[in-house]
Amino acid sequence: MTTFRIATFNAQNLIGPDQEYQRFERYSPEDYAAKRAWMADQLNRMDSDILAFQEIIDPEALREVIAEADARAPHRRPYAEADLAFAPNLADSGPGERRPGLAILSRFGFAGQPVSIQRLDPPLEIPFNHLGGGDAGRYVLNRLTRPILKVRVPVGSHVLTVFNLHLRSRMGEFVRPRGARFSPEVDLSHYDAAGRALGLLRASLRRMAEAWVLRKLVVDELEAGNPVAVLGDLNATPQSATQQIIAGERPFTDYTWLRRHDAKSADDHYSEAEAAAITEAVERVRLHSAERLFIRKSLRDMAYTNAFGGVFESFDAILLSRHFHPDWPGRIGEMTHFGVYNDHITDGTHPEAPGNIRASDHGQIMAHVRLV
């Protein structure tokens, strides 16, 4: 019997010291050493076999974290023996304009080469129609905010497809006029409420479009019969449309009460056989939240990975295909425990701790999985 741990870890701008990663923002050697030590301790607490990292600007800094983790825990299985895949961000630029990428660490190695998806060819075109009919324009997405990193990991006698992603944040997305130094909406001394709301709309539309790109990749894997795990910072709660896009629809309890799509009379409903086929078609491509499975298993109701202004939310996710759902007869394993490492999270209301660059503004989560 094989057991393994799978986790996700937003590192919050991991880069070496004395490098301006955002405008006026850099780590002093002391800050970097403290952040490296903190991350190393978190890695050792989790002792995960498959670990997805977000906000990795410099992969060399991550290697230094891994080396420090091994040095601090010489008696556990060393991470240095694991394989590391890194996906750089195509938008990464010079000092003050760095854009983070992603990484996956696997003690089981990789089956085949890791794949990074960021530029979309062809672009994603989302057409809109007026409710009364007629063309209402379209939204076109040429490139993701950050890459999606896809790897295949051999676990036991199976090969697990793992996706790591970091979707567009909920911060507003504003248009800078040609020749201007900044967008008018970021000038808070001339607060533009409607303009900032439009920026939030842009960010939300981009995030949900990126979620659909992932959803299509997930469905392709599930249609091929491959078990899937999605890890990462979704910048969206489990109740959000974004997570629903990625995870897929929940089937109705009974489809026989629904009128058929091609009904010829008022009482023309789906048959029991058709209802069963519809349920299977929906279920076979669904993903299931490890957090929700944990809550169902333990009857607990509180797990958060991010906080701001007194609001605690869960943005980071582990989503598993039904290959790991305890109710599916064809399962290859199931989650036995779900861990949340969030003791370092503050809500930003304390003047002395609006944010801790020496740690991360996200908690880490990990699922323990036992293969059957």
Protein backbone atom coordinates (compact mmCIF):
# COMPACT_ATOMS: atom_id res chain seq x y z
CA MET A 1 0.00 0.00 0.00
CA THR A 2 1.36 3.43 -1.00
CA THR A 3 0.73 6.63 0.89
CA PHE A 4 1.89 10.07 -0.15
CA ARG A 5 1.44 13.73 0.71
CA ILE A 6 0.59 16.43 -1.81
CA ALA A 7 0.71 20.13 -0.97
CA THR A 8 0.62 23.68 -2.31
CA PHE A 9 2.76 26.58 -1.10
CA ASN A 10 2.51 30.23 -2.18
CA ALA A 11 5.95 31.57 -1.30
CA GLN A 12 5.10 35.27 -1.81
CA ASN A 13 7.79 36.66 -4.12
CA LEU A 14 10.69 34.30 -3.53
CA ILE A 15 13.89 35.88 -4.83
CA GLY A 16 17.41 36.38 -3.54
CA PRO A 17 18.55 39.43 -1.54
CA ASP A 18 19.20 42.94 -2.86
CA GLN A 19 17.10 42.49 -6.00
CA GLU A 20 14.24 44.89 -6.67
CA TYR A 21 11.37 42.53 -7.52
CA GLN A 22 8.65 45.20 -7.35
CA ARG A 23 9.08 48.94 -7.44
CA PHE A 24 10.99 49.95 -4.29
CA GLU A 25 10.63 46.40 -2.90
CA ARG A 26 13.62 44.15 -2.17
CA TYR A 27 14.83 41.79 0.54
CA SER A 28 17.75 42.76 2.70
CA PRO A 29 20.21 39.91 3.31
CA GLU A 30 18.67 39.57 6.80
CA ASP A 31 15.10 39.45 5.45
CA TYR A 32 16.05 36.88 2.84
CA ALA A 33 17.84 34.69 5.37
CA ALA A 34 14.80 34.82 7.66
CA LYS A 35 12.41 34.01 4.80
CA ARG A 36 14.60 31.12 3.63
CA ALA A 37 14.74 29.72 7.15
CA TRP A 38 10.98 30.08 7.63
CA MET A 39 10.21 28.34 4.34
CA ALA A 40 12.66 25.56 5.18
CA ASP A 41 10.91 24.96 8.50
CA GLN A 42 7.51 24.89 6.75
CA LEU A 43 8.81 22.33 4.25
CA ASN A 44 10.02 20.15 7.08
CA ARG A 45 6.73 20.45 8.95
CA MET A 46 4.84 19.29 5.87
CA ASP A 47 7.37 16.70 4.65
CA SER A 48 5.34 16.52 1.42
CA ASP A 49 6.14 14.18 -1.48
CA ILE A 50 4.62 16.37 -4.19
CA LEU A 51 4.80 20.12 -3.57
CA ALA A 52 3.50 22.88 -5.85
CA PHE A 53 5.03 26.34 -5.35
CA GLN A 54 3.66 29.67 -6.54
CA GLU A 55 5.37 33.06 -6.69
CA ILE A 56 8.83 31.73 -7.44
CA ILE A 57 10.76 34.53 -9.13
CA ASP A 58 14.21 32.94 -8.89
CA PRO A 59 14.45 29.13 -8.94
CA GLU A 60 17.94 29.34 -7.43
CA ALA A 61 16.42 30.87 -4.29
CA LEU A 62 14.03 27.90 -4.09
CA ARG A 63 16.97 25.51 -4.38
CA GLU A 64 18.60 27.32 -1.47
CA VAL A 65 15.41 26.90 0.57
CA ILE A 66 15.37 23.18 -0.23
CA ALA A 67 19.02 22.82 0.74
CA GLU A 68 18.40 24.58 4.05
CA ALA A 69 15.38 22.36 4.73
CA ASP A 70 17.56 19.28 4.23
CA ALA A 71 20.26 20.70 6.49
CA ARG A 72 17.72 21.36 9.24
CA ALA A 73 16.21 17.86 9.08
CA PRO A 74 18.99 15.39 8.24
CA HIS A 75 16.99 12.36 9.39
CA ARG A 76 14.08 12.64 6.99
CA ARG A 77 14.13 11.74 3.28
CA PRO A 78 16.09 14.60 1.65
CA TYR A 79 14.38 16.91 -0.81
CA ALA A 80 17.65 17.15 -2.73
CA GLU A 81 16.87 13.71 -4.17
CA ALA A 82 13.55 14.99 -5.56
CA ASP A 83 13.02 16.35 -9.07
CA LEU A 84 12.25 20.05 -9.48
CA ALA A 85 10.38 21.58 -12.42
CA PHE A 86 10.20 25.36 -12.91
CA ALA A 87 7.93 27.35 -15.23
CA PRO A 88 9.11 30.95 -15.74
CA ASN A 89 6.63 33.74 -16.35
CA LEU A 90 6.71 35.12 -19.91
CA ALA A 91 5.94 38.57 -18.47
CA ASP A 92 9.01 38.56 -16.22
CA SER A 93 11.01 41.72 -16.81
CA GLY A 94 13.81 43.82 -15.28
CA PRO A 95 14.32 45.25 -11.79
CA GLY A 96 11.09 46.49 -10.21
CA GLU A 97 9.00 44.59 -12.76
CA ARG A 98 9.66 40.96 -11.92
CA ARG A 99 6.82 38.50 -12.48
CA PRO A 100 6.86 35.18 -10.59
CA GLY A 101 6.62 31.72 -12.05
CA LEU A 102 5.76 28.29 -10.64
CA ALA A 103 7.57 25.15 -9.53
CA ILE A 104 6.77 21.55 -8.60
CA LEU A 105 8.96 19.37 -6.40
CA SER A 106 8.40 15.60 -6.65
CA ARG A 107 10.07 12.86 -4.63
CA PHE A 108 8.62 10.40 -7.14
CA GLY A 109 10.23 12.13 -10.11
CA PHE A 110 8.35 12.88 -13.31
CA ALA A 111 7.01 10.65 -16.07
CA GLY A 112 7.91 12.56 -19.22
CA GLN A 113 8.81 16.22 -19.49
CA PRO A 114 7.01 18.98 -17.53
CA VAL A 115 4.89 21.28 -19.68
CA SER A 116 4.37 25.02 -19.20
CA ILE A 117 1.26 26.64 -20.70
CA GLN A 118 1.00 30.43 -20.82
CA ARG A 119 0.76 31.72 -24.41
CA LEU A 120 -2.50 30.55 -26.01
CA ASP A 121 -2.30 29.50 -29.65
CA PRO A 122 -4.96 29.89 -30.89
CA PRO A 123 -6.22 32.59 -28.50
CA LEU A 124 -9.28 31.90 -26.38
CA GLU A 125 -12.25 33.78 -27.85
CA ILE A 126 -15.38 34.06 -25.72
CA PRO A 127 -18.34 35.31 -27.78
CA PHE A 128 -21.29 37.15 -26.22
CA ASN A 129 -24.82 37.48 -27.55
CA HIS A 130 -27.51 39.95 -26.57
CA LEU A 131 -30.29 38.26 -24.61
CA GLY A 132 -32.69 39.05 -27.43
CA GLY A 133 -30.26 37.76 -30.05
CA GLY A 134 -27.46 39.35 -32.04
CA ASP A 135 -23.72 39.75 -31.59
CA ALA A 136 -22.68 41.48 -28.35
CA GLY A 137 -18.92 41.33 -28.89
CA ARG A 138 -16.25 38.98 -27.58
CA TYR A 139 -13.46 38.70 -25.04
CA VAL A 140 -10.11 37.48 -26.35
CA LEU A 141 -7.37 36.02 -24.15
CA ASN A 142 -3.95 35.60 -25.77
CA ARG A 143 -1.84 34.87 -22.70
CA LEU A 144 -2.35 33.77 -19.10
CA THR A 145 -1.26 36.04 -16.25
CA ARG A 146 1.03 33.26 -15.05
CA PRO A 147 1.88 29.87 -16.52
CA ILE A 148 0.10 26.63 -15.79
CA LEU A 149 2.66 23.93 -14.97
CA LYS A 150 1.63 20.39 -15.87
CA VAL A 151 3.58 17.31 -14.81
CA ARG A 152 2.95 13.58 -14.64
CA VAL A 153 4.04 11.90 -11.43
CA PRO A 154 4.33 8.11 -10.95
CA VAL A 155 2.70 7.10 -7.64
CA GLY A 156 2.49 3.41 -6.88
CA SER A 157 1.32 1.67 -10.05
CA HIS A 158 -0.42 4.82 -11.33
CA VAL A 159 0.61 8.03 -13.06
CA LEU A 160 -0.99 11.16 -11.60
CA THR A 161 -1.39 14.29 -13.73
CA VAL A 162 -0.65 17.33 -11.54
CA PHE A 163 -1.48 20.91 -12.49
CA ASN A 164 0.02 23.86 -10.62
CA LEU A 165 -1.43 27.33 -11.23
CA HIS A 166 -1.76 30.83 -9.83
CA LEU A 167 -4.77 32.62 -11.28
CA ARG A 168 -5.15 36.37 -11.77
CA SER A 169 -5.47 38.15 -8.44
CA ARG A 170 -8.56 40.01 -7.25
CA MET A 171 -6.73 43.34 -7.40
CA GLY A 172 -8.21 45.68 -9.98
CA GLU A 173 -6.80 45.70 -13.50
CA PHE A 174 -6.54 49.24 -14.86
CA VAL A 175 -5.67 50.62 -18.30
CA ARG A 176 -2.80 53.10 -18.45
CA PRO A 177 -3.35 55.75 -21.14
CA ARG A 178 -0.62 56.01 -23.76
CA GLY A 179 2.18 58.23 -22.50
CA ALA A 180 0.90 58.32 -18.92
CA ARG A 181 3.00 57.23 -15.94
CA PHE A 182 0.12 55.42 -14.27
CA SER A 183 -3.57 54.64 -14.62
CA PRO A 184 -5.92 57.33 -13.29
CA GLU A 185 -7.67 54.78 -11.07
CA VAL A 186 -4.55 54.16 -8.97
CA ASP A 187 -4.45 57.83 -7.92
CA LEU A 188 -6.30 57.45 -4.63
CA SER A 189 -6.16 61.21 -3.99
CA HIS A 190 -8.71 61.47 -6.84
CA TYR A 191 -10.71 58.36 -5.98
CA ASP A 192 -12.66 56.95 -8.93
CA ALA A 193 -15.15 54.42 -7.54
CA ALA A 194 -16.69 53.46 -10.88
CA GLY A 195 -13.29 53.17 -12.56
CA ARG A 196 -11.96 50.94 -9.81
CA ALA A 197 -15.07 48.75 -10.04
CA LEU A 198 -14.41 48.37 -13.78
CA GLY A 199 -10.85 47.29 -12.92
CA LEU A 200 -12.25 44.60 -10.65
CA LEU A 201 -14.50 43.46 -13.50
CA ARG A 202 -11.51 43.15 -15.84
CA ALA A 203 -9.55 41.12 -13.28
CA SER A 204 -12.52 38.85 -12.58
CA LEU A 205 -13.15 38.20 -16.27
CA ARG A 206 -9.49 37.38 -16.85
CA ARG A 207 -9.34 35.06 -13.81
CA MET A 208 -12.43 33.12 -14.87
CA ALA A 209 -11.19 32.85 -18.46
CA GLU A 210 -7.92 31.44 -17.12
CA ALA A 211 -9.93 29.01 -15.01
CA TRP A 212 -11.66 27.75 -18.17
CA VAL A 213 -8.29 27.21 -19.87
CA LEU A 214 -7.32 24.97 -16.97
CA ARG A 215 -10.73 23.27 -17.02
CA LYS A 216 -10.24 22.26 -20.65
CA LEU A 217 -6.81 20.81 -19.84
CA VAL A 218 -8.29 18.90 -16.89
CA VAL A 219 -11.17 17.50 -18.94
CA ASP A 220 -8.74 16.29 -21.62
CA GLU A 221 -6.83 14.35 -18.94
CA LEU A 222 -9.97 12.89 -17.37
CA GLU A 223 -11.38 11.89 -20.76
CA ALA A 224 -8.12 10.00 -21.30
CA GLY A 225 -8.74 8.14 -18.03
CA ASN A 226 -5.92 9.80 -16.08
CA PRO A 227 -6.21 10.65 -12.36
CA VAL A 228 -5.78 14.38 -11.79
CA ALA A 229 -4.78 16.73 -8.99
CA VAL A 230 -5.02 20.52 -9.29
CA LEU A 231 -2.88 22.52 -6.87
CA GLY A 232 -2.37 26.22 -6.44
CA ASP A 233 -3.52 29.70 -5.58
CA LEU A 234 -6.87 30.20 -7.31
CA ASN A 235 -7.49 33.65 -5.81
CA ALA A 236 -11.06 32.47 -5.35
CA THR A 237 -13.02 30.75 -2.59
CA PRO A 238 -14.58 27.28 -2.90
CA GLN A 239 -18.00 28.93 -3.38
CA SER A 240 -16.83 31.15 -6.26
CA ALA A 241 -17.69 30.80 -9.93
CA THR A 242 -13.95 30.49 -10.59
CA GLN A 243 -13.61 27.28 -8.57
CA GLN A 244 -16.88 25.98 -10.01
CA ILE A 245 -15.49 26.44 -13.53
CA ILE A 246 -12.38 24.43 -12.65
CA ALA A 247 -14.12 21.71 -10.64
CA GLY A 248 -17.09 21.25 -12.96
CA GLU A 249 -20.83 21.07 -12.42
CA ARG A 250 -22.46 19.20 -9.57
CA PRO A 251 -25.03 16.76 -10.94
CA PHE A 252 -28.69 17.03 -9.98
CA THR A 253 -29.97 14.31 -7.68
CA ASP A 254 -32.49 13.26 -10.32
CA TYR A 255 -32.74 14.26 -13.99
CA THR A 256 -36.02 12.47 -14.67
CA TRP A 257 -38.00 15.52 -13.55
CA LEU A 258 -36.32 17.70 -16.19
CA ARG A 259 -38.07 18.26 -19.47
CA ARG A 260 -35.97 16.97 -22.35
CA HIS A 261 -33.94 19.45 -24.37
CA ASP A 262 -35.86 18.35 -27.50
CA ALA A 263 -39.25 17.95 -25.78
CA LYS A 264 -42.29 17.56 -28.03
CA SER A 265 -44.79 17.90 -25.18
CA ALA A 266 -45.00 19.32 -21.66
CA ASP A 267 -44.48 15.91 -20.00
CA ASP A 268 -41.59 14.79 -22.22
CA HIS A 269 -38.89 14.15 -19.55
CA TYR A 270 -35.55 12.33 -19.52
CA SER A 271 -35.87 8.59 -18.93
CA GLU A 272 -34.22 6.84 -16.00
CA ALA A 273 -31.58 5.39 -18.32
CA GLU A 274 -30.85 8.82 -19.79
CA ALA A 275 -30.71 10.33 -16.31
CA ALA A 276 -28.15 7.75 -15.21
CA ALA A 277 -26.04 8.45 -18.32
CA ILE A 278 -26.19 12.21 -17.70
CA THR A 279 -25.12 11.77 -14.06
CA GLU A 280 -22.16 9.63 -15.10
CA ALA A 281 -21.15 12.14 -17.81
CA VAL A 282 -21.09 14.92 -15.20
CA GLU A 283 -19.43 12.92 -12.42
CA ARG A 284 -16.58 11.47 -14.47
CA VAL A 285 -15.08 14.91 -15.16
CA ARG A 286 -15.68 16.55 -11.78
CA LEU A 287 -12.97 17.55 -9.35
CA HIS A 288 -13.45 17.43 -5.59
CA SER A 289 -12.05 19.86 -3.04
CA ALA A 290 -9.74 18.19 -0.53
CA GLU A 291 -10.84 20.86 1.94
CA ARG A 292 -14.50 19.91 1.50
CA LEU A 293 -13.68 16.20 1.83
CA PHE A 294 -11.84 17.02 5.05
CA ILE A 295 -14.77 19.00 6.45
CA ARG A 296 -17.11 16.14 5.58
CA LYS A 297 -14.73 13.67 7.22
CA SER A 298 -14.05 15.62 10.40
CA LEU A 299 -17.17 17.79 10.80
CA ARG A 300 -14.91 20.84 11.15
CA ASP A 301 -15.96 24.06 9.49
CA MET A 302 -12.93 26.35 9.48
CA ALA A 303 -9.96 26.28 7.13
CA TYR A 304 -8.42 29.47 5.79
CA THR A 305 -5.25 30.28 3.86
CA ASN A 306 -5.51 34.06 3.44
CA ALA A 307 -6.70 37.02 5.49
CA PHE A 308 -7.10 40.74 4.94
CA GLY A 309 -8.91 43.38 6.94
CA GLY A 310 -10.47 40.89 9.31
CA VAL A 311 -11.81 38.59 6.57
CA PHE A 312 -10.39 35.05 6.58
CA GLU A 313 -10.77 33.10 3.34
CA SER A 314 -9.45 30.03 1.58
CA PHE A 315 -7.84 30.92 -1.77
CA ASP A 316 -5.48 27.97 -2.06
CA ALA A 317 -6.83 24.64 -3.20
CA ILE A 318 -6.15 20.97 -3.75
CA LEU A 319 -8.73 19.54 -6.16
CA LEU A 320 -8.81 15.80 -6.82
CA SER A 321 -10.53 13.75 -9.50
CA ARG A 322 -13.00 11.08 -8.44
CA HIS A 323 -10.17 8.57 -8.57
CA PHE A 324 -9.64 9.67 -4.93
CA HIS A 325 -13.27 10.11 -3.83
CA PRO A 326 -14.35 7.65 -1.11
CA ASP A 327 -17.79 7.14 -2.66
CA TRP A 328 -16.60 6.07 -6.13
CA PRO A 329 -16.31 2.27 -6.51
CA GLY A 330 -13.49 2.67 -9.04
CA ARG A 331 -11.29 4.82 -6.80
CA ILE A 332 -7.54 4.19 -6.72
CA GLY A 333 -7.09 5.89 -3.35
CA GLU A 334 -8.57 8.36 -0.92
CA MET A 335 -7.57 11.28 1.25
CA THR A 336 -6.99 10.32 4.87
CA HIS A 337 -6.11 13.73 6.31
CA PHE A 338 -5.98 17.41 5.32
CA GLY A 339 -3.51 19.78 6.92
CA VAL A 340 -3.64 23.59 7.04
CA TYR A 341 -0.50 25.47 8.03
CA ASN A 342 -1.75 28.98 8.73
CA ASP A 343 -0.42 29.99 12.15
CA HIS A 344 1.57 32.81 10.53
CA ILE A 345 -1.45 34.44 8.85
CA THR A 346 -2.57 37.86 10.14
CA ASP A 347 -5.57 39.83 8.92
CA GLY A 348 -3.71 43.09 8.28
CA THR A 349 -5.50 45.00 11.05
CA HIS A 350 -2.53 45.11 13.41
CA PRO A 351 -0.21 48.08 12.75
CA GLU A 352 2.87 46.05 13.55
CA ALA A 353 1.95 43.24 11.14
CA PRO A 354 0.23 44.42 7.95
CA GLY A 355 2.19 41.78 6.10
CA ASN A 356 5.18 39.62 6.79
CA ILE A 357 7.65 39.54 3.88
CA ARG A 358 9.79 37.13 5.89
CA ALA A 359 7.04 34.52 5.64
CA SER A 360 4.11 34.45 3.22
CA ASP A 361 0.68 36.02 3.00
CA HIS A 362 -0.77 32.56 2.31
CA GLY A 363 -1.13 29.48 4.43
CA GLN A 364 -0.08 26.10 3.08
CA ILE A 365 -2.37 23.12 2.68
CA MET A 366 -1.57 19.43 2.29
CA ALA A 367 -3.57 16.28 1.62
CA HIS A 368 -2.53 12.82 2.83
CA VAL A 369 -3.52 10.22 0.24
CA ARG A 370 -3.59 6.43 0.59
CA LEU A 371 -3.70 4.30 -2.54
CA VAL A 372 -5.87 1.21 -2.43
